[in-house]
Each structure stands twice: as C-alpha cells, then as structure tokens.
Amino acid sequence: MSVLAANSHILYRGMYQQQPSSSSRGSCLFLGISSSAFGDSRKREWRRRISKRGFKVEAFSQDLSRPTVIEMEPITDCDQLAQILELSQPIIIHWMASWCRKCIYLKPKLERLAADYDTKIKFYYVDVNNVSQALVKRGNISKMPTIQLWKDGEMKEEVIGGHKAWLVIDEVREMIRKYV
C-alpha cells in the first residue's frame, strides 16, 4: 500500500505483512472506516481479520546531501555556446521550443537526471524560438525535442525525442554512460 504524506521528505511508505509468531497475536491496524461504508457485521469481521496479522511500516526519505533537481541553464546566443563548448567536461544540450509539449514534458525529467550526474556533466537548454537561426544551425537541429551530448567542442551523440519520455531518458542515460 502506498501512502501520500504531507511531509515532502517522505517519498514512499510501504506496508509489508509479517507472519505473526505463535506466541504473539500481532498488532492491530485501524484505518478508520465509517460504519456507513460497511454494515456493522462486515466492519467487525474486517477488524478481526486485520487484528490477526502483523504489519511492518517503513518510510524512506530522500538523501538531503545531494540535490534532487538541478535547473538547466539557458543558452541564449552563439558566443555563449562557444564558451560552453570550450569546457573540458561533457555537456548535454536540450534543444526545445516553448510550443512543443514533449519538450516541456522532458525538461523536468532532464533536470532530475542532471542531479544524478551533478559533478560529471553539465546540462543546458536552448529555446529555439528565442535565439538566432545561426545558433540553431550550429546545433544542426531539424526536429524537436533534440538532446545532444557535446564533448571537446564536438557533438558526439544525439537523441531525437519523439517517443515516450522514459525511453528518451533511458537513451540519454546510455549516451552519458558512454562518454562519462
């Protein structure tokens, strides 16, 4: 069973059934179901069944020492792209458009992926509607969204993301593993 918690630090709660030992009767879990939902006899039967079982509840919290999301930095002109490409570390550039639904949907997923590779790779994005055509030609962009990996000033690999987001993210992960 999953539980949504008001505390943002609790990511998941699972309830696992334990086998009660012969000496203990187990613990009772009461979920507060109103009598209008079930008749009184059904409610008592349900409580009896639950009270015979033991439950273990675990909570997993996020690692607060690492960020979970790193916002991608925008590239706005050719000069900025030239400066970024001089970096020795590999970079990911997400070429997107503000009108492209898949581009907008991929951006937060890529920002979560950026948190996984925080020190190894840098993530940027280019909104093709807000930059010059020369910058778009420099990236050799023909379709949206396009995610490219650049290293040593050269484009090494790209993923054109016209399919499901989880497939695109998996392809980007594989691309990163090859060059990092």
N, C-alpha and C. Protein backbone atom coordinates (compact mmCIF):
# COMPACT_ATOMS: atom_id res chain seq x y z
N MET A 1 0.86 -1.16 0.00
CA MET A 1 0.00 0.00 0.00
C MET A 1 0.90 1.22 0.00
N SER A 2 0.62 2.20 -0.79
CA SER A 2 1.36 3.46 -0.81
C SER A 2 0.56 4.51 -0.07
N VAL A 3 1.25 5.38 0.60
CA VAL A 3 0.60 6.43 1.36
C VAL A 3 1.18 7.76 0.90
N LEU A 4 0.34 8.71 0.58
CA LEU A 4 0.80 10.05 0.28
C LEU A 4 0.92 10.81 1.58
N ALA A 5 2.07 11.39 1.82
CA ALA A 5 2.30 12.09 3.08
C ALA A 5 2.37 13.59 2.84
N ALA A 6 1.98 14.35 3.83
CA ALA A 6 2.05 15.80 3.73
C ALA A 6 3.50 16.26 3.80
N ASN A 7 4.36 15.49 4.44
CA ASN A 7 5.76 15.83 4.55
C ASN A 7 6.46 15.51 3.25
N SER A 8 7.11 16.49 2.64
CA SER A 8 7.72 16.29 1.33
C SER A 8 8.96 15.42 1.41
N HIS A 9 9.52 15.19 2.60
CA HIS A 9 10.71 14.39 2.73
C HIS A 9 10.42 12.90 2.74
N ILE A 10 9.18 12.53 2.87
CA ILE A 10 8.82 11.12 2.84
C ILE A 10 8.40 10.78 1.43
N LEU A 11 9.18 9.93 0.79
CA LEU A 11 8.91 9.61 -0.60
C LEU A 11 7.96 8.44 -0.76
N TYR A 12 8.05 7.47 0.10
CA TYR A 12 7.30 6.24 -0.09
C TYR A 12 7.09 5.58 1.25
N ARG A 13 5.93 5.07 1.44
CA ARG A 13 5.67 4.24 2.60
C ARG A 13 5.09 2.94 2.10
N GLY A 14 5.64 1.86 2.53
CA GLY A 14 5.12 0.56 2.14
C GLY A 14 4.67 -0.19 3.36
N MET A 15 3.66 -0.97 3.22
CA MET A 15 3.18 -1.78 4.32
C MET A 15 3.41 -3.24 3.92
N TYR A 16 4.17 -3.93 4.72
CA TYR A 16 4.50 -5.31 4.42
C TYR A 16 3.91 -6.20 5.49
N GLN A 17 3.32 -7.27 5.07
CA GLN A 17 2.69 -8.16 6.02
C GLN A 17 3.76 -9.05 6.64
N GLN A 18 3.78 -9.15 7.95
CA GLN A 18 4.68 -10.03 8.66
C GLN A 18 3.90 -11.26 9.11
N GLN A 19 4.56 -12.37 9.21
CA GLN A 19 3.93 -13.57 9.74
C GLN A 19 3.98 -13.47 11.27
N PRO A 20 2.85 -13.43 11.93
CA PRO A 20 2.87 -13.33 13.39
C PRO A 20 3.41 -14.62 13.99
N SER A 21 4.20 -14.47 15.04
CA SER A 21 4.75 -15.65 15.71
C SER A 21 3.64 -16.30 16.52
N SER A 22 3.87 -17.54 16.91
CA SER A 22 2.83 -18.28 17.63
C SER A 22 2.60 -17.70 19.03
N SER A 23 3.64 -17.03 19.61
CA SER A 23 3.46 -16.51 20.95
C SER A 23 2.80 -15.13 20.96
N SER A 24 2.93 -14.38 19.86
CA SER A 24 2.31 -13.04 19.86
C SER A 24 1.07 -13.05 18.97
N ARG A 25 0.18 -12.15 19.27
CA ARG A 25 -1.05 -12.07 18.50
C ARG A 25 -0.92 -11.08 17.35
N GLY A 26 0.20 -10.34 17.26
CA GLY A 26 0.35 -9.36 16.19
C GLY A 26 -0.23 -8.03 16.62
N SER A 27 -0.04 -7.03 15.79
CA SER A 27 -0.56 -5.72 16.12
C SER A 27 -1.77 -5.41 15.27
N CYS A 28 -2.56 -4.50 15.74
CA CYS A 28 -3.79 -4.15 15.04
C CYS A 28 -3.62 -2.85 14.30
N LEU A 29 -4.08 -2.79 13.09
CA LEU A 29 -4.06 -1.57 12.31
C LEU A 29 -5.49 -1.16 12.06
N PHE A 30 -5.85 0.05 12.51
CA PHE A 30 -7.20 0.53 12.31
C PHE A 30 -7.16 1.68 11.33
N LEU A 31 -7.90 1.58 10.25
CA LEU A 31 -7.88 2.58 9.20
C LEU A 31 -9.06 3.53 9.27
N GLY A 32 -9.89 3.44 10.25
CA GLY A 32 -10.97 4.39 10.47
C GLY A 32 -12.01 4.42 9.37
N ILE A 33 -12.61 3.31 9.06
CA ILE A 33 -13.67 3.27 8.05
C ILE A 33 -15.00 3.53 8.73
N SER A 34 -15.77 4.39 8.15
CA SER A 34 -17.05 4.74 8.78
C SER A 34 -18.04 3.59 8.64
N SER A 35 -18.98 3.54 9.55
CA SER A 35 -19.95 2.46 9.52
C SER A 35 -20.93 2.62 8.38
N SER A 36 -21.00 3.79 7.79
CA SER A 36 -21.90 3.95 6.66
C SER A 36 -21.36 3.26 5.41
N ALA A 37 -20.04 3.08 5.34
CA ALA A 37 -19.44 2.42 4.19
C ALA A 37 -19.71 0.92 4.21
N PHE A 38 -19.64 0.32 5.40
CA PHE A 38 -19.89 -1.11 5.54
C PHE A 38 -20.93 -1.29 6.65
N GLY A 39 -21.63 -2.38 6.60
CA GLY A 39 -22.52 -2.69 7.71
C GLY A 39 -21.71 -3.04 8.93
N ASP A 40 -22.32 -3.00 10.13
CA ASP A 40 -21.59 -3.25 11.36
C ASP A 40 -20.96 -4.64 11.39
N SER A 41 -21.67 -5.64 10.87
CA SER A 41 -21.13 -7.00 10.90
C SER A 41 -19.91 -7.12 9.98
N ARG A 42 -19.95 -6.48 8.83
CA ARG A 42 -18.81 -6.52 7.90
C ARG A 42 -17.62 -5.77 8.51
N LYS A 43 -17.89 -4.70 9.22
CA LYS A 43 -16.83 -3.91 9.83
C LYS A 43 -16.13 -4.73 10.92
N ARG A 44 -16.88 -5.42 11.75
CA ARG A 44 -16.29 -6.23 12.81
C ARG A 44 -15.47 -7.37 12.21
N GLU A 45 -16.00 -7.99 11.16
CA GLU A 45 -15.28 -9.10 10.50
C GLU A 45 -13.96 -8.59 9.92
N TRP A 46 -14.00 -7.43 9.32
CA TRP A 46 -12.81 -6.85 8.72
C TRP A 46 -11.76 -6.54 9.80
N ARG A 47 -12.21 -5.99 10.96
CA ARG A 47 -11.29 -5.70 12.06
C ARG A 47 -10.67 -6.98 12.60
N ARG A 48 -11.46 -8.05 12.70
CA ARG A 48 -10.93 -9.31 13.20
C ARG A 48 -9.83 -9.84 12.28
N ARG A 49 -10.07 -9.77 10.97
CA ARG A 49 -9.07 -10.26 10.02
C ARG A 49 -7.78 -9.44 10.12
N ILE A 50 -7.92 -8.14 10.23
CA ILE A 50 -6.74 -7.27 10.31
C ILE A 50 -5.99 -7.50 11.61
N SER A 51 -6.69 -7.66 12.72
CA SER A 51 -6.02 -7.77 14.01
C SER A 51 -5.25 -9.08 14.14
N LYS A 52 -5.51 -10.06 13.30
CA LYS A 52 -4.78 -11.32 13.36
C LYS A 52 -3.43 -11.23 12.65
N ARG A 53 -3.21 -10.18 11.88
CA ARG A 53 -1.98 -10.05 11.11
C ARG A 53 -1.07 -9.01 11.76
N GLY A 54 0.22 -9.17 11.55
CA GLY A 54 1.19 -8.17 11.99
C GLY A 54 1.61 -7.34 10.79
N PHE A 55 1.90 -6.10 11.03
CA PHE A 55 2.29 -5.23 9.94
C PHE A 55 3.59 -4.52 10.27
N LYS A 56 4.36 -4.27 9.24
CA LYS A 56 5.59 -3.51 9.37
C LYS A 56 5.48 -2.34 8.39
N VAL A 57 5.66 -1.15 8.89
CA VAL A 57 5.57 0.03 8.03
C VAL A 57 6.96 0.65 7.95
N GLU A 58 7.43 0.91 6.72
CA GLU A 58 8.73 1.51 6.53
C GLU A 58 8.58 2.82 5.80
N ALA A 59 9.40 3.77 6.13
CA ALA A 59 9.41 5.06 5.43
C ALA A 59 10.81 5.30 4.90
N PHE A 60 10.91 5.75 3.68
CA PHE A 60 12.19 6.06 3.06
C PHE A 60 12.23 7.56 2.80
N SER A 61 13.28 8.19 3.23
CA SER A 61 13.39 9.63 2.99
C SER A 61 14.52 9.88 2.00
N GLN A 62 14.48 11.03 1.37
CA GLN A 62 15.47 11.35 0.36
C GLN A 62 16.79 11.73 1.02
N ASP A 63 17.87 11.57 0.26
CA ASP A 63 19.20 11.95 0.70
C ASP A 63 19.32 13.45 0.56
N LEU A 64 19.38 14.17 1.67
CA LEU A 64 19.39 15.62 1.63
C LEU A 64 20.76 16.20 1.33
N SER A 65 21.80 15.36 1.28
CA SER A 65 23.12 15.87 0.97
C SER A 65 23.29 16.15 -0.52
N ARG A 66 22.48 15.55 -1.36
CA ARG A 66 22.54 15.77 -2.81
C ARG A 66 21.24 16.42 -3.27
N PRO A 67 21.33 17.30 -4.28
CA PRO A 67 20.09 17.89 -4.80
C PRO A 67 19.30 16.86 -5.60
N THR A 68 17.99 17.01 -5.62
CA THR A 68 17.15 16.09 -6.39
C THR A 68 16.87 16.63 -7.79
N VAL A 69 16.97 17.94 -7.94
CA VAL A 69 16.74 18.59 -9.22
C VAL A 69 17.76 19.70 -9.38
N ILE A 70 18.37 19.79 -10.56
CA ILE A 70 19.26 20.90 -10.88
C ILE A 70 18.69 21.59 -12.10
N GLU A 71 18.37 22.85 -11.95
CA GLU A 71 17.77 23.60 -13.05
C GLU A 71 18.80 23.77 -14.17
N MET A 72 18.38 23.48 -15.38
CA MET A 72 19.25 23.63 -16.54
C MET A 72 19.43 25.10 -16.86
N GLU A 73 20.63 25.46 -17.29
CA GLU A 73 20.93 26.85 -17.64
C GLU A 73 20.59 27.09 -19.11
N PRO A 74 20.05 28.26 -19.42
CA PRO A 74 19.72 28.55 -20.82
C PRO A 74 20.94 28.99 -21.62
N ILE A 75 20.94 28.67 -22.89
CA ILE A 75 21.92 29.20 -23.84
C ILE A 75 21.15 30.17 -24.72
N THR A 76 21.64 31.42 -24.81
CA THR A 76 20.87 32.45 -25.50
C THR A 76 21.50 32.96 -26.78
N ASP A 77 22.82 32.72 -26.99
CA ASP A 77 23.43 33.18 -28.23
C ASP A 77 24.63 32.32 -28.61
N CYS A 78 25.18 32.56 -29.80
CA CYS A 78 26.29 31.76 -30.33
C CYS A 78 27.56 31.91 -29.50
N ASP A 79 27.80 33.12 -29.00
CA ASP A 79 29.01 33.36 -28.19
C ASP A 79 28.97 32.55 -26.90
N GLN A 80 27.83 32.51 -26.27
CA GLN A 80 27.70 31.73 -25.04
C GLN A 80 27.90 30.24 -25.34
N LEU A 81 27.35 29.76 -26.46
CA LEU A 81 27.54 28.36 -26.83
C LEU A 81 29.02 28.07 -27.07
N ALA A 82 29.73 28.98 -27.72
CA ALA A 82 31.16 28.78 -27.97
C ALA A 82 31.94 28.70 -26.65
N GLN A 83 31.59 29.54 -25.68
CA GLN A 83 32.25 29.49 -24.37
C GLN A 83 31.97 28.17 -23.65
N ILE A 84 30.74 27.72 -23.74
CA ILE A 84 30.35 26.46 -23.07
C ILE A 84 31.06 25.28 -23.71
N LEU A 85 31.19 25.29 -25.03
CA LEU A 85 31.81 24.16 -25.72
C LEU A 85 33.31 24.07 -25.45
N GLU A 86 33.93 25.14 -24.95
CA GLU A 86 35.34 25.11 -24.59
C GLU A 86 35.60 24.32 -23.31
N LEU A 87 34.57 24.05 -22.54
CA LEU A 87 34.73 23.28 -21.30
C LEU A 87 35.24 21.89 -21.61
N SER A 88 36.03 21.35 -20.70
CA SER A 88 36.58 20.01 -20.91
C SER A 88 35.58 18.91 -20.57
N GLN A 89 34.64 19.21 -19.68
CA GLN A 89 33.68 18.19 -19.30
C GLN A 89 32.57 18.09 -20.35
N PRO A 90 31.96 16.92 -20.48
CA PRO A 90 30.85 16.77 -21.45
C PRO A 90 29.64 17.60 -21.02
N ILE A 91 28.86 18.01 -22.01
CA ILE A 91 27.64 18.77 -21.72
C ILE A 91 26.48 18.17 -22.50
N ILE A 92 25.29 18.33 -21.93
CA ILE A 92 24.05 17.93 -22.58
C ILE A 92 23.30 19.22 -22.93
N ILE A 93 22.86 19.31 -24.18
CA ILE A 93 22.05 20.45 -24.60
C ILE A 93 20.68 19.93 -25.04
N HIS A 94 19.65 20.46 -24.41
CA HIS A 94 18.27 20.12 -24.74
C HIS A 94 17.73 21.23 -25.64
N TRP A 95 17.56 20.92 -26.91
CA TRP A 95 17.01 21.87 -27.87
C TRP A 95 15.51 21.71 -27.83
N MET A 96 14.81 22.80 -27.48
CA MET A 96 13.38 22.72 -27.25
C MET A 96 12.68 23.95 -27.81
N ALA A 97 11.37 23.88 -27.81
CA ALA A 97 10.54 25.02 -28.21
C ALA A 97 9.44 25.18 -27.17
N SER A 98 9.02 26.41 -26.95
CA SER A 98 8.01 26.66 -25.92
C SER A 98 6.64 26.11 -26.32
N TRP A 99 6.42 25.86 -27.61
CA TRP A 99 5.13 25.34 -28.08
C TRP A 99 5.11 23.81 -28.14
N CYS A 100 6.25 23.17 -27.91
CA CYS A 100 6.38 21.71 -28.05
C CYS A 100 6.05 21.02 -26.72
N ARG A 101 4.96 20.27 -26.69
CA ARG A 101 4.55 19.60 -25.44
C ARG A 101 5.58 18.60 -24.95
N LYS A 102 6.13 17.81 -25.86
CA LYS A 102 7.11 16.80 -25.45
C LYS A 102 8.37 17.45 -24.90
N CYS A 103 8.75 18.59 -25.48
CA CYS A 103 9.92 19.32 -24.98
C CYS A 103 9.68 19.79 -23.55
N ILE A 104 8.53 20.35 -23.32
CA ILE A 104 8.19 20.87 -22.00
C ILE A 104 8.09 19.72 -20.99
N TYR A 105 7.56 18.59 -21.42
CA TYR A 105 7.42 17.43 -20.55
C TYR A 105 8.78 16.83 -20.21
N LEU A 106 9.73 16.87 -21.13
CA LEU A 106 11.05 16.29 -20.90
C LEU A 106 11.93 17.13 -19.99
N LYS A 107 11.73 18.43 -19.99
CA LYS A 107 12.64 19.32 -19.26
C LYS A 107 12.77 18.97 -17.78
N PRO A 108 11.68 18.80 -17.01
CA PRO A 108 11.87 18.45 -15.59
C PRO A 108 12.50 17.07 -15.39
N LYS A 109 12.26 16.16 -16.31
CA LYS A 109 12.89 14.84 -16.21
C LYS A 109 14.39 14.94 -16.44
N LEU A 110 14.79 15.79 -17.37
CA LEU A 110 16.21 16.01 -17.59
C LEU A 110 16.85 16.74 -16.42
N GLU A 111 16.10 17.60 -15.76
CA GLU A 111 16.63 18.30 -14.58
C GLU A 111 16.85 17.32 -13.43
N ARG A 112 15.99 16.32 -13.31
CA ARG A 112 16.21 15.27 -12.30
C ARG A 112 17.43 14.43 -12.66
N LEU A 113 17.58 14.16 -13.96
CA LEU A 113 18.75 13.40 -14.42
C LEU A 113 20.02 14.22 -14.19
N ALA A 114 19.95 15.52 -14.34
CA ALA A 114 21.10 16.39 -14.09
C ALA A 114 21.56 16.28 -12.64
N ALA A 115 20.64 16.08 -11.73
CA ALA A 115 21.01 15.92 -10.32
C ALA A 115 21.78 14.62 -10.09
N ASP A 116 21.48 13.59 -10.88
CA ASP A 116 22.21 12.33 -10.75
C ASP A 116 23.66 12.45 -11.20
N TYR A 117 23.91 13.29 -12.19
CA TYR A 117 25.25 13.46 -12.75
C TYR A 117 25.77 14.87 -12.44
N ASP A 118 25.54 15.34 -11.25
CA ASP A 118 25.80 16.72 -10.85
C ASP A 118 27.23 17.18 -11.15
N THR A 119 28.23 16.43 -10.76
CA THR A 119 29.61 16.86 -10.92
C THR A 119 30.26 16.36 -12.21
N LYS A 120 29.64 15.43 -12.88
CA LYS A 120 30.26 14.80 -14.05
C LYS A 120 29.90 15.46 -15.37
N ILE A 121 28.72 16.04 -15.45
CA ILE A 121 28.22 16.57 -16.72
C ILE A 121 27.36 17.79 -16.45
N LYS A 122 27.35 18.71 -17.37
CA LYS A 122 26.58 19.95 -17.22
C LYS A 122 25.42 19.93 -18.20
N PHE A 123 24.24 20.37 -17.77
CA PHE A 123 23.03 20.36 -18.59
C PHE A 123 22.62 21.79 -18.94
N TYR A 124 22.30 22.01 -20.22
CA TYR A 124 21.83 23.30 -20.72
C TYR A 124 20.60 23.08 -21.58
N TYR A 125 19.86 24.17 -21.85
CA TYR A 125 18.76 24.09 -22.80
C TYR A 125 18.76 25.31 -23.69
N VAL A 126 18.21 25.13 -24.89
CA VAL A 126 18.08 26.22 -25.86
C VAL A 126 16.63 26.24 -26.30
N ASP A 127 15.96 27.37 -26.12
CA ASP A 127 14.61 27.56 -26.65
C ASP A 127 14.78 28.15 -28.04
N VAL A 128 14.51 27.35 -29.06
CA VAL A 128 14.80 27.75 -30.44
C VAL A 128 13.97 28.94 -30.90
N ASN A 129 12.88 29.25 -30.24
CA ASN A 129 12.06 30.41 -30.61
C ASN A 129 12.68 31.72 -30.13
N ASN A 130 13.56 31.66 -29.14
CA ASN A 130 14.12 32.87 -28.54
C ASN A 130 15.58 33.11 -28.90
N VAL A 131 16.14 32.35 -29.84
CA VAL A 131 17.54 32.51 -30.22
C VAL A 131 17.64 32.73 -31.73
N SER A 132 18.83 33.10 -32.17
CA SER A 132 19.02 33.34 -33.60
C SER A 132 19.04 32.02 -34.38
N GLN A 133 18.75 32.15 -35.65
CA GLN A 133 18.73 30.98 -36.53
C GLN A 133 20.15 30.40 -36.69
N ALA A 134 21.17 31.25 -36.54
CA ALA A 134 22.56 30.79 -36.64
C ALA A 134 22.88 29.80 -35.53
N LEU A 135 22.37 30.05 -34.33
CA LEU A 135 22.59 29.13 -33.21
C LEU A 135 21.93 27.79 -33.47
N VAL A 136 20.72 27.82 -34.01
CA VAL A 136 20.00 26.57 -34.31
C VAL A 136 20.74 25.80 -35.41
N LYS A 137 21.27 26.50 -36.39
CA LYS A 137 22.05 25.84 -37.46
C LYS A 137 23.35 25.26 -36.91
N ARG A 138 23.95 25.94 -35.93
CA ARG A 138 25.19 25.44 -35.31
C ARG A 138 24.96 24.09 -34.65
N GLY A 139 23.78 23.91 -34.10
CA GLY A 139 23.43 22.64 -33.47
C GLY A 139 22.90 21.62 -34.46
N ASN A 140 22.67 22.05 -35.72
CA ASN A 140 22.15 21.16 -36.77
C ASN A 140 20.82 20.52 -36.34
N ILE A 141 19.90 21.37 -35.89
CA ILE A 141 18.63 20.91 -35.34
C ILE A 141 17.58 20.89 -36.43
N SER A 142 16.88 19.76 -36.54
CA SER A 142 15.80 19.65 -37.52
C SER A 142 14.47 19.26 -36.89
N LYS A 143 14.52 18.62 -35.71
CA LYS A 143 13.29 18.15 -35.05
C LYS A 143 13.35 18.49 -33.57
N MET A 144 12.16 18.54 -32.98
CA MET A 144 12.02 18.84 -31.55
C MET A 144 11.42 17.65 -30.82
N PRO A 145 11.78 17.37 -29.63
CA PRO A 145 12.96 17.82 -28.92
C PRO A 145 14.19 17.04 -29.36
N THR A 146 15.35 17.68 -29.30
CA THR A 146 16.62 17.04 -29.59
C THR A 146 17.52 17.23 -28.39
N ILE A 147 18.13 16.14 -27.94
CA ILE A 147 19.05 16.19 -26.81
C ILE A 147 20.40 15.73 -27.34
N GLN A 148 21.39 16.59 -27.20
CA GLN A 148 22.72 16.30 -27.74
C GLN A 148 23.75 16.25 -26.63
N LEU A 149 24.73 15.36 -26.81
CA LEU A 149 25.88 15.31 -25.91
C LEU A 149 27.07 15.87 -26.68
N TRP A 150 27.70 16.89 -26.10
CA TRP A 150 28.87 17.53 -26.70
C TRP A 150 30.06 17.28 -25.79
N LYS A 151 31.21 17.00 -26.41
CA LYS A 151 32.44 16.82 -25.65
C LYS A 151 33.59 17.32 -26.52
N ASP A 152 34.50 18.08 -25.93
CA ASP A 152 35.65 18.66 -26.62
C ASP A 152 35.24 19.49 -27.83
N GLY A 153 34.14 20.21 -27.72
CA GLY A 153 33.69 21.10 -28.78
C GLY A 153 32.99 20.42 -29.94
N GLU A 154 32.77 19.11 -29.86
CA GLU A 154 32.12 18.37 -30.93
C GLU A 154 30.87 17.68 -30.41
N MET A 155 29.87 17.60 -31.29
CA MET A 155 28.67 16.86 -30.95
C MET A 155 28.97 15.38 -31.15
N LYS A 156 28.87 14.61 -30.07
CA LYS A 156 29.21 13.18 -30.11
C LYS A 156 28.00 12.31 -30.42
N GLU A 157 26.87 12.62 -29.79
CA GLU A 157 25.67 11.80 -29.98
C GLU A 157 24.44 12.65 -29.74
N GLU A 158 23.30 12.20 -30.28
CA GLU A 158 22.05 12.91 -30.04
C GLU A 158 20.89 11.93 -29.96
N VAL A 159 19.86 12.37 -29.27
CA VAL A 159 18.60 11.63 -29.16
C VAL A 159 17.51 12.58 -29.62
N ILE A 160 16.75 12.15 -30.59
CA ILE A 160 15.60 12.93 -31.04
C ILE A 160 14.39 12.32 -30.38
N GLY A 161 13.76 13.07 -29.48
CA GLY A 161 12.77 12.52 -28.58
C GLY A 161 11.34 12.65 -29.03
N GLY A 162 10.95 11.93 -30.06
CA GLY A 162 9.56 11.96 -30.47
C GLY A 162 8.75 10.84 -29.89
N HIS A 163 9.31 10.07 -28.95
CA HIS A 163 8.59 8.94 -28.36
C HIS A 163 8.44 9.15 -26.85
N LYS A 164 8.10 8.12 -26.14
CA LYS A 164 7.79 8.24 -24.71
C LYS A 164 8.97 8.78 -23.91
N ALA A 165 8.65 9.59 -22.89
CA ALA A 165 9.68 10.29 -22.12
C ALA A 165 10.64 9.33 -21.43
N TRP A 166 10.14 8.24 -20.86
CA TRP A 166 11.03 7.32 -20.15
C TRP A 166 12.00 6.66 -21.10
N LEU A 167 11.60 6.44 -22.37
CA LEU A 167 12.53 5.88 -23.35
C LEU A 167 13.61 6.89 -23.70
N VAL A 168 13.22 8.14 -23.85
CA VAL A 168 14.19 9.19 -24.16
C VAL A 168 15.19 9.33 -23.02
N ILE A 169 14.72 9.34 -21.78
CA ILE A 169 15.61 9.48 -20.63
C ILE A 169 16.56 8.28 -20.55
N ASP A 170 16.07 7.07 -20.83
CA ASP A 170 16.95 5.90 -20.85
C ASP A 170 18.02 6.03 -21.92
N GLU A 171 17.65 6.52 -23.10
CA GLU A 171 18.63 6.72 -24.17
C GLU A 171 19.65 7.77 -23.79
N VAL A 172 19.22 8.83 -23.13
CA VAL A 172 20.15 9.88 -22.68
C VAL A 172 21.09 9.31 -21.63
N ARG A 173 20.57 8.49 -20.72
CA ARG A 173 21.41 7.85 -19.70
C ARG A 173 22.49 6.98 -20.35
N GLU A 174 22.11 6.20 -21.34
CA GLU A 174 23.08 5.36 -22.06
C GLU A 174 24.12 6.22 -22.77
N MET A 175 23.69 7.30 -23.36
CA MET A 175 24.59 8.22 -24.04
C MET A 175 25.60 8.80 -23.05
N ILE A 176 25.14 9.17 -21.87
CA ILE A 176 26.03 9.72 -20.84
C ILE A 176 27.02 8.67 -20.38
N ARG A 177 26.57 7.44 -20.19
CA ARG A 177 27.47 6.37 -19.72
C ARG A 177 28.62 6.11 -20.70
N LYS A 178 28.36 6.30 -21.98
CA LYS A 178 29.43 6.09 -22.98
C LYS A 178 30.55 7.11 -22.86
N TYR A 179 30.21 8.34 -22.50
CA TYR A 179 31.19 9.42 -22.55
C TYR A 179 31.61 9.96 -21.19
N VAL A 180 31.07 9.43 -20.11
CA VAL A 180 31.47 9.91 -18.77
C VAL A 180 32.17 8.79 -18.04
